[in-house]
C-alpha atoms as a PDB file:
ATOM      1  CA  MET A   1     -14.255  20.391  17.711  1.00  0.00           C
ATOM      2  CA  SER A   2     -14.586  21.489  14.083  1.00  0.00           C
ATOM      3  CA  THR A   3     -10.832  22.038  13.867  1.00  0.00           C
ATOM      4  CA  VAL A   4     -10.134  18.527  15.163  1.00  0.00           C
ATOM      5  CA  VAL A   5     -12.550  17.022  12.630  1.00  0.00           C
ATOM      6  CA  LEU A   6     -11.012  18.996   9.754  1.00  0.00           C
ATOM      7  CA  LEU A   7      -7.441  18.120  10.744  1.00  0.00           C
ATOM      8  CA  THR A   8      -8.346  14.464  11.212  1.00  0.00           C
ATOM      9  CA  LEU A   9     -10.015  14.112   7.809  1.00  0.00           C
ATOM     10  CA  THR A  10      -7.284  16.110   6.098  1.00  0.00           C
ATOM     11  CA  GLY A  11      -4.715  13.862   7.769  1.00  0.00           C
ATOM     12  CA  LEU A  12      -6.636  10.785   6.632  1.00  0.00           C
ATOM     13  CA  GLY A  13      -6.656  12.169   3.081  1.00  0.00           C
ATOM     14  CA  LEU A  14      -2.903  12.598   3.207  1.00  0.00           C
ATOM     15  CA  ALA A  15      -2.587   9.147   4.786  1.00  0.00           C
ATOM     16  CA  ALA A  16      -4.572   7.693   1.873  1.00  0.00           C
ATOM     17  CA  LEU A  17      -2.100   9.232  -0.540  1.00  0.00           C
ATOM     18  CA  TYR A  18       0.858   7.841   1.408  1.00  0.00           C
ATOM     19  CA  PHE A  19      -0.747   4.401   1.496  1.00  0.00           C
ATOM     20  CA  LEU A  20      -1.330   4.297  -2.265  1.00  0.00           C
ATOM     21  CA  ILE A  21       2.399   4.867  -2.775  1.00  0.00           C
ATOM     22  CA  ALA A  22       3.584   2.712   0.124  1.00  0.00           C
ATOM     23  CA  SER A  23       1.438  -0.295  -0.809  1.00  0.00           C
ATOM     24  CA  GLY A  24       3.319  -0.684  -4.086  1.00  0.00           C
ATOM     25  CA  LEU A  25       6.650  -0.362  -2.290  1.00  0.00           C
ATOM     26  CA  SER A  26       5.559  -3.026   0.208  1.00  0.00           C
ATOM     27  CA  LEU A  27       4.534  -5.454  -2.525  1.00  0.00           C
ATOM     28  CA  VAL A  28       7.792  -5.013  -4.422  1.00  0.00           C
ATOM     29  CA  PHE A  29       9.973  -5.385  -1.351  1.00  0.00           C
ATOM     30  CA  GLY A  30       7.947  -8.270   0.041  1.00  0.00           C
ATOM     31  CA  LEU A  31       8.371 -10.419  -3.063  1.00  0.00           C
ATOM     32  CA  ALA A  32      11.434  -9.147  -4.896  1.00  0.00           C
ATOM     33  CA  GLY A  33      13.391  -7.701  -1.962  1.00  0.00           C
ATOM     34  CA  VAL A  34      13.953  -4.462  -3.899  1.00  0.00           C
ATOM     35  CA  LEU A  35      13.956  -1.023  -2.279  1.00  0.00           C
ATOM     36  CA  ASN A  36      12.883   0.904  -5.360  1.00  0.00           C
ATOM     37  CA  PHE A  37      13.956   4.540  -5.088  1.00  0.00           C
ATOM     38  CA  ALA A  38      12.499   5.201  -8.550  1.00  0.00           C
ATOM     39  CA  HIS A  39       8.975   4.479  -7.304  1.00  0.00           C
ATOM     40  CA  GLY A  40       8.231   8.200  -7.057  1.00  0.00           C
ATOM     41  CA  LEU A  41       8.896   8.439 -10.793  1.00  0.00           C
ATOM     42  CA  PHE A  42       5.930   6.115 -11.421  1.00  0.00           C
ATOM     43  CA  LEU A  43       3.733   8.598  -9.541  1.00  0.00           C
ATOM     44  CA  SER A  44       5.039  11.595 -11.489  1.00  0.00           C
ATOM     45  CA  VAL A  45       4.680   9.861 -14.864  1.00  0.00           C
ATOM     46  CA  GLY A  46       1.106   8.892 -14.009  1.00  0.00           C
ATOM     47  CA  ALA A  47       0.284  12.421 -12.879  1.00  0.00           C
ATOM     48  CA  TYR A  48       1.709  14.081 -15.986  1.00  0.00           C
ATOM     49  CA  ALA A  49       0.164  11.507 -18.319  1.00  0.00           C
ATOM     50  CA  ALA A  50      -3.226  12.208 -16.733  1.00  0.00           C
ATOM     51  CA  TRP A  51      -2.645  15.966 -16.941  1.00  0.00           C
ATOM     52  CA  GLN A  52      -1.753  15.721 -20.631  1.00  0.00           C
ATOM     53  CA  ALA A  53      -4.725  13.461 -21.397  1.00  0.00           C
ATOM     54  CA  ALA A  54      -7.077  15.832 -19.573  1.00  0.00           C
ATOM     55  CA  GLN A  55      -6.014  18.695 -21.841  1.00  0.00           C
ATOM     56  CA  GLN A  56      -7.013  16.704 -24.918  1.00  0.00           C
ATOM     57  CA  TRP A  57      -9.798  14.303 -23.945  1.00  0.00           C
ATOM     58  CA  GLY A  58     -11.096  15.338 -20.538  1.00  0.00           C
ATOM     59  CA  LEU A  59     -10.786  14.009 -17.021  1.00  0.00           C
ATOM     60  CA  ALA A  60     -12.812  10.839 -17.583  1.00  0.00           C
ATOM     61  CA  VAL A  61     -10.115   9.579 -19.974  1.00  0.00           C
ATOM     62  CA  ALA A  62      -7.238  11.107 -18.002  1.00  0.00           C
ATOM     63  CA  VAL A  63      -7.712   8.963 -14.884  1.00  0.00           C
ATOM     64  CA  PRO A  64      -7.255   5.530 -16.554  1.00  0.00           C
ATOM     65  CA  VAL A  65      -4.473   6.965 -18.735  1.00  0.00           C
ATOM     66  CA  GLY A  66      -2.560   8.074 -15.629  1.00  0.00           C
ATOM     67  CA  ILE A  67      -2.986   4.697 -13.933  1.00  0.00           C
ATOM     68  CA  ALA A  68      -1.934   2.840 -17.094  1.00  0.00           C
ATOM     69  CA  ALA A  69       1.112   5.085 -17.535  1.00  0.00           C
ATOM     70  CA  GLY A  70       2.268   4.285 -14.001  1.00  0.00           C
ATOM     71  CA  ALA A  71       1.745   0.552 -14.593  1.00  0.00           C
ATOM     72  CA  VAL A  72       3.677   0.548 -17.877  1.00  0.00           C
ATOM     73  CA  THR A  73       6.527   2.535 -16.321  1.00  0.00           C
ATOM     74  CA  GLY A  74       6.733   0.059 -13.447  1.00  0.00           C
ATOM     75  CA  ALA A  75       6.863  -2.917 -15.802  1.00  0.00           C
ATOM     76  CA  LEU A  76       9.538  -1.338 -18.015  1.00  0.00           C
ATOM     77  CA  VAL A  77      11.714  -0.429 -15.030  1.00  0.00           C
ATOM     78  CA  GLU A  78      11.541  -4.015 -13.754  1.00  0.00           C
ATOM     79  CA  LEU A  79      12.314  -5.564 -17.143  1.00  0.00           C
ATOM     80  CA  ILE A  80      15.066  -3.177 -18.225  1.00  0.00           C
ATOM     81  CA  VAL A  81      16.696  -1.880 -15.033  1.00  0.00           C
ATOM     82  CA  ILE A  82      15.914  -4.185 -12.104  1.00  0.00           C
ATOM     83  CA  ARG A  83      15.852  -7.663 -13.659  1.00  0.00           C
ATOM     84  CA  PRO A  84      19.588  -7.773 -14.501  1.00  0.00           C
ATOM     85  CA  LEU A  85      20.407  -6.632 -10.945  1.00  0.00           C
ATOM     86  CA  TYR A  86      18.393  -8.991  -8.719  1.00  0.00           C
ATOM     87  CA  ARG A  87      21.529 -10.561  -7.254  1.00  0.00           C
ATOM     88  CA  ARG A  88      23.293  -7.189  -6.888  1.00  0.00           C
ATOM     89  CA  PRO A  89      21.446  -5.124  -4.247  1.00  0.00           C
ATOM     90  CA  THR A  90      23.978  -2.292  -4.120  1.00  0.00           C
ATOM     91  CA  GLU A  91      23.701  -1.765  -7.852  1.00  0.00           C
ATOM     92  CA  GLN A  92      19.906  -1.889  -7.520  1.00  0.00           C
ATOM     93  CA  VAL A  93      19.942   1.054  -5.140  1.00  0.00           C
ATOM     94  CA  LEU A  94      22.343   3.060  -7.303  1.00  0.00           C
ATOM     95  CA  ALA A  95      20.369   2.323 -10.469  1.00  0.00           C
ATOM     96  CA  THR A  96      17.002   3.295  -8.987  1.00  0.00           C
ATOM     97  CA  VAL A  97      18.369   6.454  -7.373  1.00  0.00           C
ATOM     98  CA  GLY A  98      19.977   7.436 -10.690  1.00  0.00           C
ATOM     99  CA  LEU A  99      16.762   6.655 -12.560  1.00  0.00           C
ATOM    100  CA  SER A 100      14.790   8.803 -10.134  1.00  0.00           C
ATOM    101  CA  LEU A 101      17.077  11.787 -10.674  1.00  0.00           C
ATOM    102  CA  ALA A 102      17.120  11.289 -14.440  1.00  0.00           C
ATOM    103  CA  GLY A 103      13.330  10.963 -14.467  1.00  0.00           C
ATOM    104  CA  VAL A 104      12.859  14.314 -12.733  1.00  0.00           C
ATOM    105  CA  ALA A 105      15.195  15.943 -15.255  1.00  0.00           C
ATOM    106  CA  LEU A 106      13.324  14.325 -18.154  1.00  0.00           C
ATOM    107  CA  LEU A 107       9.944  15.507 -16.850  1.00  0.00           C
ATOM    108  CA  GLN A 108      11.352  19.032 -16.449  1.00  0.00           C
ATOM    109  CA  SER A 109      12.636  18.999 -20.026  1.00  0.00           C
ATOM    110  CA  VAL A 110       9.210  17.981 -21.378  1.00  0.00           C
ATOM    111  CA  TRP A 111       6.763  19.900 -19.151  1.00  0.00           C
ATOM    112  CA  GLY A 112       9.008  22.486 -17.486  1.00  0.00           C
ATOM    113  CA  ALA A 113      10.015  22.896 -13.842  1.00  0.00           C
ATOM    114  CA  ASP A 114       7.055  25.042 -12.770  1.00  0.00           C
ATOM    115  CA  PRO A 115       3.985  23.382 -11.217  1.00  0.00           C
ATOM    116  CA  ARG A 116       1.029  22.856 -13.534  1.00  0.00           C
ATOM    117  CA  THR A 117      -2.520  23.492 -12.343  1.00  0.00           C
ATOM    118  CA  TYR A 118      -4.230  20.127 -12.166  1.00  0.00           C
ATOM    119  CA  PRO A 119      -7.713  19.557 -13.599  1.00  0.00           C
ATOM    120  CA  ARG A 120     -10.287  18.161 -11.220  1.00  0.00           C
ATOM    121  CA  PRO A 121     -14.060  17.768 -11.045  1.00  0.00           C
ATOM    122  CA  ALA A 122     -15.872  20.814  -9.728  1.00  0.00           C
ATOM    123  CA  TRP A 123     -17.429  18.847  -6.876  1.00  0.00           C
ATOM    124  CA  THR A 124     -13.990  18.023  -5.418  1.00  0.00           C
ATOM    125  CA  THR A 125     -13.356  21.726  -4.825  1.00  0.00           C
ATOM    126  CA  ASP A 126     -16.595  22.043  -2.846  1.00  0.00           C
ATOM    127  CA  THR A 127     -16.884  21.261   0.848  1.00  0.00           C
ATOM    128  CA  THR A 128     -19.166  19.095   2.954  1.00  0.00           C
ATOM    129  CA  SER A 129     -20.248  20.148   6.441  1.00  0.00           C
ATOM    130  CA  LEU A 130     -19.419  17.483   9.029  1.00  0.00           C
ATOM    131  CA  LEU A 131     -19.696  18.074  12.788  1.00  0.00           C
ATOM    132  CA  GLY A 132     -19.250  21.794  12.240  1.00  0.00           C
ATOM    133  CA  ALA A 133     -16.238  21.452   9.953  1.00  0.00           C
ATOM    134  CA  GLU A 134     -16.239  22.327   6.243  1.00  0.00           C
ATOM    135  CA  VAL A 135     -14.264  19.436   4.774  1.00  0.00           C
ATOM    136  CA  PRO A 136     -13.053  19.554   1.137  1.00  0.00           C
ATOM    137  CA  ASN A 137     -14.648  16.744  -0.855  1.00  0.00           C
ATOM    138  CA  ASP A 138     -11.337  15.601  -2.320  1.00  0.00           C
ATOM    139  CA  ARG A 139     -10.404  14.271   1.155  1.00  0.00           C
ATOM    140  CA  PHE A 140     -13.342  11.873   1.018  1.00  0.00           C
ATOM    141  CA  LEU A 141     -12.346  10.823  -2.511  1.00  0.00           C
ATOM    142  CA  LEU A 142      -8.817   9.950  -1.387  1.00  0.00           C
ATOM    143  CA  ILE A 143     -10.004   8.054   1.692  1.00  0.00           C
ATOM    144  CA  ALA A 144     -12.536   6.047  -0.334  1.00  0.00           C
ATOM    145  CA  ALA A 145      -9.950   5.238  -3.026  1.00  0.00           C
ATOM    146  CA  ALA A 146      -7.406   4.026  -0.461  1.00  0.00           C
ATOM    147  CA  ALA A 147     -10.016   1.880   1.307  1.00  0.00           C
ATOM    148  CA  LEU A 148     -10.999   0.257  -2.002  1.00  0.00           C
ATOM    149  CA  VAL A 149      -7.357  -0.354  -2.897  1.00  0.00           C
ATOM    150  CA  LEU A 150      -6.654  -1.923   0.501  1.00  0.00           C
ATOM    151  CA  ALA A 151      -9.667  -4.237   0.212  1.00  0.00           C
ATOM    152  CA  GLY A 152      -8.763  -5.106  -3.382  1.00  0.00           C
ATOM    153  CA  LEU A 153      -5.134  -5.876  -2.553  1.00  0.00           C
ATOM    154  CA  LEU A 154      -6.042  -8.108   0.375  1.00  0.00           C
ATOM    155  CA  ALA A 155      -8.607  -9.953  -1.748  1.00  0.00           C
ATOM    156  CA  PHE A 156      -6.076 -10.336  -4.582  1.00  0.00           C
ATOM    157  CA  LEU A 157      -3.406 -11.711  -2.249  1.00  0.00           C
ATOM    158  CA  ARG A 158      -5.746 -14.142  -0.485  1.00  0.00           C
ATOM    159  CA  TRP A 159      -7.998 -15.477  -3.227  1.00  0.00           C
ATOM    160  CA  THR A 160      -6.239 -15.303  -6.604  1.00  0.00           C
ATOM    161  CA  ARG A 161      -3.610 -17.630  -8.054  1.00  0.00           C
ATOM    162  CA  TYR A 162      -1.002 -14.919  -8.533  1.00  0.00           C
ATOM    163  CA  GLY A 163      -1.801 -13.505  -5.122  1.00  0.00           C
ATOM    164  CA  LEU A 164      -1.054 -16.879  -3.569  1.00  0.00           C
ATOM    165  CA  ILE A 165       2.173 -17.094  -5.595  1.00  0.00           C
ATOM    166  CA  ILE A 166       3.234 -13.680  -4.306  1.00  0.00           C
ATOM    167  CA  ARG A 167       2.463 -14.627  -0.708  1.00  0.00           C
ATOM    168  CA  ALA A 168       4.325 -17.920  -1.082  1.00  0.00           C
ATOM    169  CA  GLY A 169       7.245 -16.160  -2.754  1.00  0.00           C
ATOM    170  CA  VAL A 170       7.511 -13.776   0.166  1.00  0.00           C
ATOM    171  CA  GLU A 171       7.743 -16.694   2.587  1.00  0.00           C
ATOM    172  CA  ASN A 172      10.084 -18.898   0.543  1.00  0.00           C
ATOM    173  CA  ARG A 173      11.112 -17.803  -2.941  1.00  0.00           C
ATOM    174  CA  ALA A 174      13.342 -20.845  -3.521  1.00  0.00           C
ATOM    175  CA  MET A 175      10.480 -23.256  -2.788  1.00  0.00           C
ATOM    176  CA  VAL A 176       8.180 -21.498  -5.255  1.00  0.00           C
ATOM    177  CA  SER A 177      10.847 -21.692  -7.961  1.00  0.00           C
ATOM    178  CA  ALA A 178      11.410 -25.384  -7.202  1.00  0.00           C
ATOM    179  CA  LEU A 179       7.709 -26.021  -7.862  1.00  0.00           C
ATOM    180  CA  GLY A 180       8.192 -24.785 -11.425  1.00  0.00           C
ATOM    181  CA  ILE A 181       6.463 -21.430 -10.928  1.00  0.00           C
ATOM    182  CA  ASP A 182       7.945 -18.529 -12.877  1.00  0.00           C
ATOM    183  CA  VAL A 183       8.843 -16.156 -10.047  1.00  0.00           C
ATOM    184  CA  ARG A 184      10.190 -13.576 -12.474  1.00  0.00           C
ATOM    185  CA  ALA A 185       6.738 -13.208 -14.018  1.00  0.00           C
ATOM    186  CA  ALA A 186       5.442 -12.515 -10.510  1.00  0.00           C
ATOM    187  CA  PHE A 187       8.212  -9.909 -10.081  1.00  0.00           C
ATOM    188  CA  THR A 188       7.049  -8.126 -13.232  1.00  0.00           C
ATOM    189  CA  LEU A 189       3.452  -8.346 -12.027  1.00  0.00           C
ATOM    190  CA  VAL A 190       4.151  -6.709  -8.665  1.00  0.00           C
ATOM    191  CA  PHE A 191       6.163  -3.926 -10.323  1.00  0.00           C
ATOM    192  CA  THR A 192       3.282  -3.360 -12.738  1.00  0.00           C
ATOM    193  CA  LEU A 193       0.767  -3.367  -9.898  1.00  0.00           C
ATOM    194  CA  GLY A 194       2.979  -1.076  -7.822  1.00  0.00           C
ATOM    195  CA  GLY A 195       3.282   1.279 -10.785  1.00  0.00           C
ATOM    196  CA  ALA A 196      -0.502   1.308 -11.225  1.00  0.00           C
ATOM    197  CA  LEU A 197      -0.969   2.154  -7.546  1.00  0.00           C
ATOM    198  CA  ALA A 198       1.630   4.928  -7.806  1.00  0.00           C
ATOM    199  CA  GLY A 199      -0.091   6.225 -10.938  1.00  0.00           C
ATOM    200  CA  THR A 200      -3.359   6.285  -8.993  1.00  0.00           C
ATOM    201  CA  ALA A 201      -1.598   8.253  -6.266  1.00  0.00           C
ATOM    202  CA  GLY A 202      -0.298  10.648  -8.927  1.00  0.00           C
ATOM    203  CA  VAL A 203      -3.780  11.311 -10.296  1.00  0.00           C
ATOM    204  CA  LEU A 204      -5.369  11.745  -6.858  1.00  0.00           C
ATOM    205  CA  GLY A 205      -2.360  13.648  -5.507  1.00  0.00           C
ATOM    206  CA  GLY A 206      -2.762  16.199  -8.277  1.00  0.00           C
ATOM    207  CA  MET A 207      -6.357  16.714  -7.157  1.00  0.00           C
ATOM    208  CA  TYR A 208      -5.333  16.900  -3.498  1.00  0.00           C
ATOM    209  CA  PHE A 209      -2.597  19.503  -4.012  1.00  0.00           C
ATOM    210  CA  GLY A 210      -4.241  21.225  -6.990  1.00  0.00           C
ATOM    211  CA  SER A 211      -1.050  21.045  -9.060  1.00  0.00           C
ATOM    212  CA  VAL A 212       1.674  18.696 -10.275  1.00  0.00           C
ATOM    213  CA  SER A 213       5.427  19.233 -10.520  1.00  0.00           C
ATOM    214  CA  PRO A 214       8.363  17.043 -11.644  1.00  0.00           C
ATOM    215  CA  SER A 215       9.691  16.590  -8.094  1.00  0.00           C
ATOM    216  CA  GLN A 216       6.313  15.852  -6.484  1.00  0.00           C
ATOM    217  CA  GLY A 217       6.761  12.077  -6.668  1.00  0.00           C
ATOM    218  CA  ALA A 218      10.213  12.169  -5.094  1.00  0.00           C
ATOM    219  CA  GLY A 219       8.961  14.363  -2.245  1.00  0.00           C
ATOM    220  CA  LEU A 220       6.050  12.058  -1.441  1.00  0.00           C
ATOM    221  CA  LEU A 221       8.272   8.984  -1.756  1.00  0.00           C
ATOM    222  CA  ILE A 222      10.240  10.010   1.346  1.00  0.00           C
ATOM    223  CA  PHE A 223       7.137   9.791   3.528  1.00  0.00           C
ATOM    224  CA  ALA A 224       5.987   6.625   1.766  1.00  0.00           C
ATOM    225  CA  PHE A 225       9.286   4.965   2.712  1.00  0.00           C
ATOM    226  CA  ILE A 226       8.786   6.072   6.307  1.00  0.00           C
ATOM    227  CA  VAL A 227       5.293   4.540   6.238  1.00  0.00           C
ATOM    228  CA  VAL A 228       6.651   1.256   4.853  1.00  0.00           C
ATOM    229  CA  VAL A 229       9.363   1.028   7.531  1.00  0.00           C
ATOM    230  CA  ILE A 230       6.994   1.915  10.381  1.00  0.00           C
ATOM    231  CA  GLY A 231       4.352  -0.496   9.119  1.00  0.00           C
ATOM    232  CA  GLY A 232       6.817  -3.316   8.550  1.00  0.00           C
ATOM    233  CA  LEU A 233       8.655  -3.988   5.306  1.00  0.00           C
ATOM    234  CA  GLY A 234       6.391  -6.056   3.061  1.00  0.00           C
ATOM    235  CA  SER A 235       3.179  -5.637   5.099  1.00  0.00           C
ATOM    236  CA  ILE A 236       0.160  -4.138   3.326  1.00  0.00           C
ATOM    237  CA  THR A 237      -2.005  -3.839   6.444  1.00  0.00           C
ATOM    238  CA  GLY A 238       0.972  -2.524   8.421  1.00  0.00           C
ATOM    239  CA  SER A 239       1.492   0.176   5.789  1.00  0.00           C
ATOM    240  CA  ALA A 240      -2.195   1.125   5.990  1.00  0.00           C
ATOM    241  CA  VAL A 241      -2.041   1.561   9.777  1.00  0.00           C
ATOM    242  CA  ALA A 242       1.271   3.409   9.601  1.00  0.00           C
ATOM    243  CA  ALA A 243      -0.038   5.734   6.878  1.00  0.00           C
ATOM    244  CA  VAL A 244      -2.952   6.764   9.111  1.00  0.00           C
ATOM    245  CA  VAL A 245      -0.631   7.427  12.049  1.00  0.00           C
ATOM    246  CA  VAL A 246       1.850   9.402   9.950  1.00  0.00           C
ATOM    247  CA  GLY A 247      -0.734  11.438   8.029  1.00  0.00           C
ATOM    248  CA  VAL A 248      -2.816  12.434  11.064  1.00  0.00           C
ATOM    249  CA  LEU A 249       0.251  13.134  13.230  1.00  0.00           C
ATOM    250  CA  GLN A 250       1.763  15.307  10.524  1.00  0.00           C
ATOM    251  CA  GLN A 251      -1.390  17.400  10.124  1.00  0.00           C
ATOM    252  CA  PHE A 252      -1.942  17.984  13.838  1.00  0.00           C
ATOM    253  CA  VAL A 253       1.687  18.873  14.590  1.00  0.00           C
ATOM    254  CA  ASN A 254       1.909  21.184  11.569  1.00  0.00           C
ATOM    255  CA  TYR A 255      -1.231  23.010  12.729  1.00  0.00           C
ATOM    256  CA  TYR A 256      -0.462  23.321  16.433  1.00  0.00           C
ATOM    257  CA  GLY A 257       3.331  23.486  16.153  1.00  0.00           C
ATOM    258  CA  THR A 258       5.797  25.590  14.199  1.00  0.00           C
ATOM    259  CA  SER A 259       6.389  25.376  10.459  1.00  0.00           C
ATOM    260  CA  GLY A 260       7.969  22.044   9.512  1.00  0.00           C
ATOM    261  CA  ALA A 261       7.344  20.522  12.928  1.00  0.00           C
ATOM    262  CA  GLY A 262       5.070  17.901  11.394  1.00  0.00           C
ATOM    263  CA  ASP A 263       7.867  16.505   9.246  1.00  0.00           C
ATOM    264  CA  VAL A 264      10.192  16.425  12.236  1.00  0.00           C
ATOM    265  CA  SER A 265       7.588  14.586  14.309  1.00  0.00           C
ATOM    266  CA  VAL A 266       7.260  11.911  11.608  1.00  0.00           C
ATOM    267  CA  VAL A 267      11.021  11.349  11.547  1.00  0.00           C
ATOM    268  CA  ALA A 268      11.031  11.186  15.365  1.00  0.00           C
ATOM    269  CA  LEU A 269       8.257   8.576  15.228  1.00  0.00           C
ATOM    270  CA  LEU A 270      10.313   6.553  12.752  1.00  0.00           C
ATOM    271  CA  ALA A 271      13.304   6.648  15.108  1.00  0.00           C
ATOM    272  CA  ILE A 272      11.173   5.527  18.063  1.00  0.00           C
ATOM    273  CA  VAL A 273       9.681   2.622  16.116  1.00  0.00           C
ATOM    274  CA  LEU A 274      13.097   1.497  14.904  1.00  0.00           C
ATOM    275  CA  LEU A 275      14.437   1.582  18.465  1.00  0.00           C
ATOM    276  CA  LEU A 276      11.512  -0.184  20.136  1.00  0.00           C
ATOM    277  CA  ARG A 277      10.229  -2.406  17.325  1.00  0.00           C
ATOM    278  CA  PRO A 278      12.799  -2.782  14.517  1.00  0.00           C
ATOM    279  CA  GLY A 279      10.469  -5.025  12.499  1.00  0.00           C
ATOM    280  CA  GLY A 280       7.816  -2.310  12.357  1.00  0.00           C
ATOM    281  CA  LEU A 281       4.216  -2.554  13.505  1.00  0.00           C
ATOM    282  CA  ALA A 282       3.710  -5.850  11.656  1.00  0.00           C
ATOM    283  CA  GLY A 283       6.755  -7.323  13.337  1.00  0.00           C
ATOM    284  CA  LYS A 284       7.687  -9.456  10.330  1.00  0.00           C
ATOM    285  CA  VAL A 285       7.773  -9.394   6.571  1.00  0.00           C
ATOM    286  CA  THR A 286       4.335 -10.407   5.279  1.00  0.00           C
ATOM    287  CA  THR A 287       2.022  -9.323   2.486  1.00  0.00           C
ATOM    288  CA  ALA A 288      -1.110  -9.482   4.627  1.00  0.00           C
END
């Protein structure tokens, strides 16, 4: 029983990390129709910015610095790289893939290729006894952060002016533009928000893994894309459900199966969903 509890909560912690990355991808695709392969770079920039800030000013300053760094990176990528390519989807993919590769090389040139030990509060390294299992406290931190982000995103999309613009733009972008609303400003907003969420994932991911490396964002991005596709492209709630399924499945199969079996099981799940329900769990493109 204790093993099941530990694997479940560890899987939920990993799922929370996947969701924080996937939610930004869902927002960007839902409104702008962009599959951003540079999204993992936002995570890595946030993680390294937080790591650098922690060395100088402590962890309390490092967390908002990491989130802000991810947000700024997202906004700059939209303004400089994506905006000229909105009507050229093939070039979008090539540009974001190239930016992702260049970003990893840039991070390696500044901080080196070796992983850096990540600072974290002492209490996150402790454990809490739950139903006989000793669960690391950082799992609870990740789960709580993801739950707050999910609630905040849904509230933002339902009850704020820009949230309503984003939802309307997902349904009919041409109609929103015809009403005189600046859709491009909304594009920049969702990239900024997505970058902030990825930066949050970078900060918390460093605590979860205990280290940060230049390729960490790109590695996590693969599973975030799988979560987005399984959940339904553009669906926040679908991504949340899919993240839980993927994270828990991966942990259980890795523990009871052979090495790497968890990753294979996630890819197999993706194939099954695409065959049986091509639109994902949500069944349609929606931000809710």
